[in-house]
Structures are given as structure tokens and as C-alpha cells.
């Protein structure tokens, strides 16, 4: 997911997508440990998507606190 796509979403939507991505990452980690994971590049992509979502959320929260 691109950063511009994340910025277009509402905070609640980003938080729900973040939770889904974390669950998916956990599933892929279990598959990797058990040797069932074939596409290991997906782990890296998910970690980076999670980082992007967290960055956007933190920026929005900082903007909100700065205004108050």
C-alpha cells in the first residue's frame, strides 16, 4: 500500500488496516517457523506497510495535539 493511499483514509480505517496487517504478519511468521511459507518477500512488504501506517497515524496525532 502506498503512502498516498494511506493518507487518503480516515484514522479509523488506517487503524483497522493496521490491525489486519499485524494479524497477517503474525500468520506469516508462524508459517515461516513451520516451514510452510513459500513467499518470504511478503514478510518484508508487510513490515514496511505497517511502518507506513504507523508513521501516518503518528503524524496525524501530532497535528491534532499541536492544534489544541
PDB file of N, CA and C in Angstrom:
ATOM      1  N   UNK A   1       0.849  -1.171   0.000  1.00  0.00           N
ATOM      2  CA  UNK A   1       0.000   0.000   0.000  1.00  0.00           C
ATOM      3  C   UNK A   1       0.896   1.235   0.000  1.00  0.00           C
ATOM      4  N   UNK A   2       0.576   2.164  -0.855  1.00  0.00           N
ATOM      5  CA  UNK A   2       1.383   3.373  -0.958  1.00  0.00           C
ATOM      6  C   UNK A   2       1.004   4.370   0.133  1.00  0.00           C
ATOM      7  N   UNK A   3       1.932   5.246   0.450  1.00  0.00           N
ATOM      8  CA  UNK A   3       1.712   6.249   1.485  1.00  0.00           C
ATOM      9  C   UNK A   3       0.568   7.181   1.107  1.00  0.00           C
ATOM     10  N   UNK A   4       0.476   7.534  -0.163  1.00  0.00           N
ATOM     11  CA  UNK A   4      -0.607   8.423  -0.598  1.00  0.00           C
ATOM     12  C   UNK A   4      -1.971   7.765  -0.393  1.00  0.00           C
ATOM     13  N   UNK A   5      -2.042   6.453  -0.581  1.00  0.00           N
ATOM     14  CA  UNK A   5      -3.299   5.739  -0.354  1.00  0.00           C
ATOM     15  C   UNK A   5      -3.659   5.748   1.129  1.00  0.00           C
ATOM     16  N   UNK A   6      -2.659   5.601   1.983  1.00  0.00           N
ATOM     17  CA  UNK A   6      -2.886   5.591   3.425  1.00  0.00           C
ATOM     18  C   UNK A   6      -3.357   6.961   3.888  1.00  0.00           C
ATOM     19  N   UNK A   7      -2.769   8.018   3.350  1.00  0.00           N
ATOM     20  CA  UNK A   7      -3.129   9.381   3.753  1.00  0.00           C
ATOM     21  C   UNK A   7      -4.570   9.730   3.351  1.00  0.00           C
ATOM     22  N   UNK A   8      -5.092   9.079   2.327  1.00  0.00           N
ATOM     23  CA  UNK A   8      -6.463   9.338   1.886  1.00  0.00           C
ATOM     24  C   UNK A   8      -7.504   8.708   2.805  1.00  0.00           C
ATOM     25  N   UNK A   9      -7.090   7.747   3.624  1.00  0.00           N
ATOM     26  CA  UNK A   9      -8.025   7.046   4.506  1.00  0.00           C
ATOM     27  C   UNK A   9      -8.271   7.829   5.793  1.00  0.00           C
ATOM     28  N   UNK A  10      -9.393   7.538   6.438  1.00  0.00           N
ATOM     29  CA  UNK A  10      -9.681   8.117   7.744  1.00  0.00           C
ATOM     30  C   UNK A  10      -8.852   7.394   8.798  1.00  0.00           C
ATOM     31  N   UNK A  11      -8.700   8.010   9.955  1.00  0.00           N
ATOM     32  CA  UNK A  11      -7.889   7.434  11.022  1.00  0.00           C
ATOM     33  C   UNK A  11      -8.401   6.053  11.421  1.00  0.00           C
ATOM     34  N   UNK A  12      -9.716   5.911  11.543  1.00  0.00           N
ATOM     35  CA  UNK A  12     -10.298   4.630  11.938  1.00  0.00           C
ATOM     36  C   UNK A  12      -9.998   3.546  10.914  1.00  0.00           C
ATOM     37  N   UNK A  13     -10.035   3.910   9.621  1.00  0.00           N
ATOM     38  CA  UNK A  13      -9.748   2.942   8.570  1.00  0.00           C
ATOM     39  C   UNK A  13      -8.282   2.515   8.609  1.00  0.00           C
ATOM     40  N   UNK A  14      -7.402   3.464   8.855  1.00  0.00           N
ATOM     41  CA  UNK A  14      -5.981   3.142   8.934  1.00  0.00           C
ATOM     42  C   UNK A  14      -5.722   2.213  10.123  1.00  0.00           C
ATOM     43  N   UNK A  15      -6.369   2.500  11.248  1.00  0.00           N
ATOM     44  CA  UNK A  15      -6.181   1.659  12.426  1.00  0.00           C
ATOM     45  C   UNK A  15      -6.681   0.238  12.183  1.00  0.00           C
ATOM     46  N   UNK A  16      -7.791   0.087  11.480  1.00  0.00           N
ATOM     47  CA  UNK A  16      -8.303  -1.253  11.206  1.00  0.00           C
ATOM     48  C   UNK A  16      -7.401  -1.996  10.221  1.00  0.00           C
ATOM     49  N   UNK A  17      -6.904  -1.293   9.207  1.00  0.00           N
ATOM     50  CA  UNK A  17      -5.978  -1.914   8.262  1.00  0.00           C
ATOM     51  C   UNK A  17      -4.666  -2.291   8.952  1.00  0.00           C
ATOM     52  N   UNK A  18      -4.241  -1.473   9.900  1.00  0.00           N
ATOM     53  CA  UNK A  18      -3.034  -1.767  10.661  1.00  0.00           C
ATOM     54  C   UNK A  18      -3.210  -3.041  11.480  1.00  0.00           C
ATOM     55  N   UNK A  19      -4.346  -3.182  12.128  1.00  0.00           N
ATOM     56  CA  UNK A  19      -4.618  -4.390  12.910  1.00  0.00           C
ATOM     57  C   UNK A  19      -4.649  -5.625  12.004  1.00  0.00           C
ATOM     58  N   UNK A  20      -5.268  -5.493  10.838  1.00  0.00           N
ATOM     59  CA  UNK A  20      -5.326  -6.616   9.895  1.00  0.00           C
ATOM     60  C   UNK A  20      -3.924  -7.000   9.416  1.00  0.00           C
ATOM     61  N   UNK A  21      -3.108  -6.004   9.125  1.00  0.00           N
ATOM     62  CA  UNK A  21      -1.753  -6.268   8.649  1.00  0.00           C
ATOM     63  C   UNK A  21      -0.920  -6.945   9.733  1.00  0.00           C
ATOM     64  N   UNK A  22      -1.100  -6.542  10.977  1.00  0.00           N
ATOM     65  CA  UNK A  22      -0.367  -7.175  12.067  1.00  0.00           C
ATOM     66  C   UNK A  22      -0.767  -8.639  12.238  1.00  0.00           C
ATOM     67  N   UNK A  23      -2.061  -8.918  12.102  1.00  0.00           N
ATOM     68  CA  UNK A  23      -2.528 -10.306  12.194  1.00  0.00           C
ATOM     69  C   UNK A  23      -1.962 -11.144  11.047  1.00  0.00           C
ATOM     70  N   UNK A  24      -1.960 -10.565   9.857  1.00  0.00           N
ATOM     71  CA  UNK A  24      -1.435 -11.277   8.695  1.00  0.00           C
ATOM     72  C   UNK A  24       0.058 -11.548   8.866  1.00  0.00           C
ATOM     73  N   UNK A  25       0.787 -10.579   9.394  1.00  0.00           N
ATOM     74  CA  UNK A  25       2.214 -10.756   9.639  1.00  0.00           C
ATOM     75  C   UNK A  25       2.447 -11.887  10.638  1.00  0.00           C
ATOM     76  N   UNK A  26       1.629 -11.943  11.681  1.00  0.00           N
ATOM     77  CA  UNK A  26       1.768 -12.997  12.676  1.00  0.00           C
ATOM     78  C   UNK A  26       1.538 -14.373  12.031  1.00  0.00           C
ATOM     79  N   UNK A  27       0.533 -14.471  11.164  1.00  0.00           N
ATOM     80  CA  UNK A  27       0.258 -15.738  10.478  1.00  0.00           C
ATOM     81  C   UNK A  27       1.436 -16.154   9.597  1.00  0.00           C
ATOM     82  N   UNK A  28       1.990 -15.178   8.880  1.00  0.00           N
ATOM     83  CA  UNK A  28       3.127 -15.485   8.015  1.00  0.00           C
ATOM     84  C   UNK A  28       4.351 -15.899   8.829  1.00  0.00           C
ATOM     85  N   UNK A  29       4.545 -15.301   9.988  1.00  0.00           N
ATOM     86  CA  UNK A  29       5.672 -15.697  10.842  1.00  0.00           C
ATOM     87  C   UNK A  29       5.517 -17.130  11.326  1.00  0.00           C
ATOM     88  N   UNK A  30       4.291 -17.513  11.693  1.00  0.00           N
ATOM     89  CA  UNK A  30       4.051 -18.898  12.098  1.00  0.00           C
ATOM     90  C   UNK A  30       4.316 -19.853  10.939  1.00  0.00           C
ATOM     91  N   UNK A  31       3.892 -19.473   9.749  1.00  0.00           N
ATOM     92  CA  UNK A  31       4.125 -20.306   8.574  1.00  0.00           C
ATOM     93  C   UNK A  31       5.619 -20.437   8.287  1.00  0.00           C
ATOM     94  N   UNK A  32       6.365 -19.363   8.504  1.00  0.00           N
ATOM     95  CA  UNK A  32       7.797 -19.399   8.262  1.00  0.00           C
ATOM     96  C   UNK A  32       8.484 -20.350   9.234  1.00  0.00           C
ATOM     97  N   UNK A  33       8.076 -20.308  10.494  1.00  0.00           N
ATOM     98  CA  UNK A  33       8.680 -21.170  11.510  1.00  0.00           C
ATOM     99  C   UNK A  33       8.389 -22.641  11.218  1.00  0.00           C
ATOM    100  N   UNK A  34       7.171 -22.925  10.760  1.00  0.00           N
ATOM    101  CA  UNK A  34       6.803 -24.306  10.481  1.00  0.00           C
ATOM    102  C   UNK A  34       7.272 -24.773   9.102  1.00  0.00           C
ATOM    103  N   UNK A  35       7.831 -23.874   8.319  1.00  0.00           N
ATOM    104  CA  UNK A  35       8.362 -24.243   7.007  1.00  0.00           C
ATOM    105  C   UNK A  35       7.319 -24.275   5.911  1.00  0.00           C
ATOM    106  N   UNK A  36       6.168 -23.705   6.135  1.00  0.00           N
ATOM    107  CA  UNK A  36       5.095 -23.713   5.145  1.00  0.00           C
ATOM    108  C   UNK A  36       5.092 -22.471   4.266  1.00  0.00           C
ATOM    109  N   UNK A  37       5.840 -21.448   4.625  1.00  0.00           N
ATOM    110  CA  UNK A  37       5.831 -20.194   3.881  1.00  0.00           C
ATOM    111  C   UNK A  37       6.718 -20.310   2.648  1.00  0.00           C
ATOM    112  N   UNK A  38       6.151 -19.997   1.489  1.00  0.00           N
ATOM    113  CA  UNK A  38       6.917 -20.075   0.250  1.00  0.00           C
ATOM    114  C   UNK A  38       7.372 -18.695  -0.219  1.00  0.00           C
ATOM    115  N   UNK A  39       6.569 -17.665   0.027  1.00  0.00           N
ATOM    116  CA  UNK A  39       6.877 -16.307  -0.429  1.00  0.00           C
ATOM    117  C   UNK A  39       7.381 -15.480   0.756  1.00  0.00           C
ATOM    118  N   UNK A  40       8.676 -15.549   1.010  1.00  0.00           N
ATOM    119  CA  UNK A  40       9.235 -14.849   2.164  1.00  0.00           C
ATOM    120  C   UNK A  40       9.308 -13.338   1.964  1.00  0.00           C
ATOM    121  N   UNK A  41       9.213 -12.878   0.733  1.00  0.00           N
ATOM    122  CA  UNK A  41       9.259 -11.429   0.487  1.00  0.00           C
ATOM    123  C   UNK A  41       8.025 -10.733   1.044  1.00  0.00           C
ATOM    124  N   UNK A  42       6.960 -11.475   1.247  1.00  0.00           N
ATOM    125  CA  UNK A  42       5.724 -10.894   1.786  1.00  0.00           C
ATOM    126  C   UNK A  42       5.925 -10.376   3.203  1.00  0.00           C
ATOM    127  N   UNK A  43       6.805 -11.010   3.973  1.00  0.00           N
ATOM    128  CA  UNK A  43       7.105 -10.547   5.332  1.00  0.00           C
ATOM    129  C   UNK A  43       7.674  -9.129   5.309  1.00  0.00           C
ATOM    130  N   UNK A  44       8.603  -8.901   4.432  1.00  0.00           N
ATOM    131  CA  UNK A  44       9.232  -7.580   4.319  1.00  0.00           C
ATOM    132  C   UNK A  44       8.226  -6.520   3.882  1.00  0.00           C
ATOM    133  N   UNK A  45       7.393  -6.873   2.928  1.00  0.00           N
ATOM    134  CA  UNK A  45       6.386  -5.938   2.429  1.00  0.00           C
ATOM    135  C   UNK A  45       5.409  -5.570   3.541  1.00  0.00           C
ATOM    136  N   UNK A  46       4.966  -6.562   4.303  1.00  0.00           N
ATOM    137  CA  UNK A  46       4.029  -6.306   5.397  1.00  0.00           C
ATOM    138  C   UNK A  46       4.645  -5.426   6.478  1.00  0.00           C
ATOM    139  N   UNK A  47       5.895  -5.709   6.841  1.00  0.00           N
ATOM    140  CA  UNK A  47       6.560  -4.893   7.860  1.00  0.00           C
ATOM    141  C   UNK A  47       6.652  -3.441   7.427  1.00  0.00           C
ATOM    142  N   UNK A  48       6.946  -3.221   6.176  1.00  0.00           N
ATOM    143  CA  UNK A  48       7.057  -1.850   5.675  1.00  0.00           C
ATOM    144  C   UNK A  48       5.697  -1.156   5.590  1.00  0.00           C
ATOM    145  N   UNK A  49       4.670  -1.912   5.201  1.00  0.00           N
ATOM    146  CA  UNK A  49       3.319  -1.342   5.186  1.00  0.00           C
ATOM    147  C   UNK A  49       2.883  -0.941   6.597  1.00  0.00           C
ATOM    148  N   UNK A  50       3.192  -1.789   7.568  1.00  0.00           N
ATOM    149  CA  UNK A  50       2.859  -1.481   8.956  1.00  0.00           C
ATOM    150  C   UNK A  50       3.575  -0.213   9.398  1.00  0.00           C
ATOM    151  N   UNK A  51       4.839  -0.096   9.046  1.00  0.00           N
ATOM    152  CA  UNK A  51       5.605   1.098   9.412  1.00  0.00           C
ATOM    153  C   UNK A  51       5.017   2.349   8.761  1.00  0.00           C
ATOM    154  N   UNK A  52       4.593   2.242   7.508  1.00  0.00           N
ATOM    155  CA  UNK A  52       3.981   3.389   6.833  1.00  0.00           C
ATOM    156  C   UNK A  52       2.695   3.813   7.530  1.00  0.00           C
ATOM    157  N   UNK A  53       1.873   2.832   7.878  1.00  0.00           N
ATOM    158  CA  UNK A  53       0.607   3.153   8.543  1.00  0.00           C
ATOM    159  C   UNK A  53       0.852   3.794   9.903  1.00  0.00           C
ATOM    160  N   UNK A  54       1.805   3.279  10.641  1.00  0.00           N
ATOM    161  CA  UNK A  54       2.104   3.839  11.954  1.00  0.00           C
ATOM    162  C   UNK A  54       2.648   5.260  11.831  1.00  0.00           C
ATOM    163  N   UNK A  55       3.451   5.503  10.808  1.00  0.00           N
ATOM    164  CA  UNK A  55       4.001   6.838  10.585  1.00  0.00           C
ATOM    165  C   UNK A  55       2.886   7.843  10.301  1.00  0.00           C
ATOM    166  N   UNK A  56       1.961   7.474   9.430  1.00  0.00           N
ATOM    167  CA  UNK A  56       0.857   8.368   9.093  1.00  0.00           C
ATOM    168  C   UNK A  56      -0.009   8.629  10.324  1.00  0.00           C
ATOM    169  N   UNK A  57      -0.295   7.582  11.107  1.00  0.00           N
ATOM    170  CA  UNK A  57      -1.090   7.757  12.322  1.00  0.00           C
ATOM    171  C   UNK A  57      -0.397   8.684  13.313  1.00  0.00           C
ATOM    172  N   UNK A  58       0.891   8.495  13.506  1.00  0.00           N
ATOM    173  CA  UNK A  58       1.634   9.343  14.434  1.00  0.00           C
ATOM    174  C   UNK A  58       1.676  10.797  13.965  1.00  0.00           C
ATOM    175  N   UNK A  59       1.796  11.006  12.666  1.00  0.00           N
ATOM    176  CA  UNK A  59       1.798  12.363  12.124  1.00  0.00           C
ATOM    177  C   UNK A  59       0.450  13.043  12.355  1.00  0.00           C
ATOM    178  N   UNK A  60      -0.615  12.300  12.121  1.00  0.00           N
ATOM    179  CA  UNK A  60      -1.951  12.874  12.296  1.00  0.00           C
ATOM    180  C   UNK A  60      -2.217  13.188  13.771  1.00  0.00           C
ATOM    181  N   UNK A  61      -1.776  12.320  14.650  1.00  0.00           N
ATOM    182  CA  UNK A  61      -1.969  12.548  16.084  1.00  0.00           C
ATOM    183  C   UNK A  61      -1.148  13.753  16.539  1.00  0.00           C
ATOM    184  N   UNK A  62       0.048  13.926  15.993  1.00  0.00           N
ATOM    185  CA  UNK A  62       0.879  15.062  16.357  1.00  0.00           C
ATOM    186  C   UNK A  62       0.251  16.366  15.852  1.00  0.00           C
ATOM    187  N   UNK A  63      -0.345  16.319  14.682  1.00  0.00           N
ATOM    188  CA  UNK A  63      -1.023  17.504  14.145  1.00  0.00           C
ATOM    189  C   UNK A  63      -2.206  17.882  15.019  1.00  0.00           C
ATOM    190  N   UNK A  64      -2.938  16.900  15.476  1.00  0.00           N
ATOM    191  CA  UNK A  64      -4.102  17.138  16.327  1.00  0.00           C
ATOM    192  C   UNK A  64      -3.721  17.725  17.675  1.00  0.00           C
ATOM    193  N   UNK A  65      -2.623  17.262  18.242  1.00  0.00           N
ATOM    194  CA  UNK A  65      -2.176  17.780  19.532  1.00  0.00           C
ATOM    195  C   UNK A  65      -1.612  19.177  19.388  1.00  0.00           C
ATOM    196  N   UNK A  66      -1.002  19.470  18.246  1.00  0.00           N
ATOM    197  CA  UNK A  66      -0.425  20.789  18.030  1.00  0.00           C
ATOM    198  C   UNK A  66      -1.477  21.881  17.916  1.00  0.00           C
ATOM    199  N   UNK A  67      -2.651  21.520  17.417  1.00  0.00           N
ATOM    200  CA  UNK A  67      -3.720  22.497  17.239  1.00  0.00           C
ATOM    201  C   UNK A  67      -4.426  22.827  18.543  1.00  0.00           C
ATOM    202  N   UNK A  68      -4.494  21.877  19.439  1.00  0.00           N
ATOM    203  CA  UNK A  68      -5.256  22.078  20.690  1.00  0.00           C
ATOM    204  C   UNK A  68      -4.550  22.962  21.690  1.00  0.00           C
TER     205      UNK A  68
END
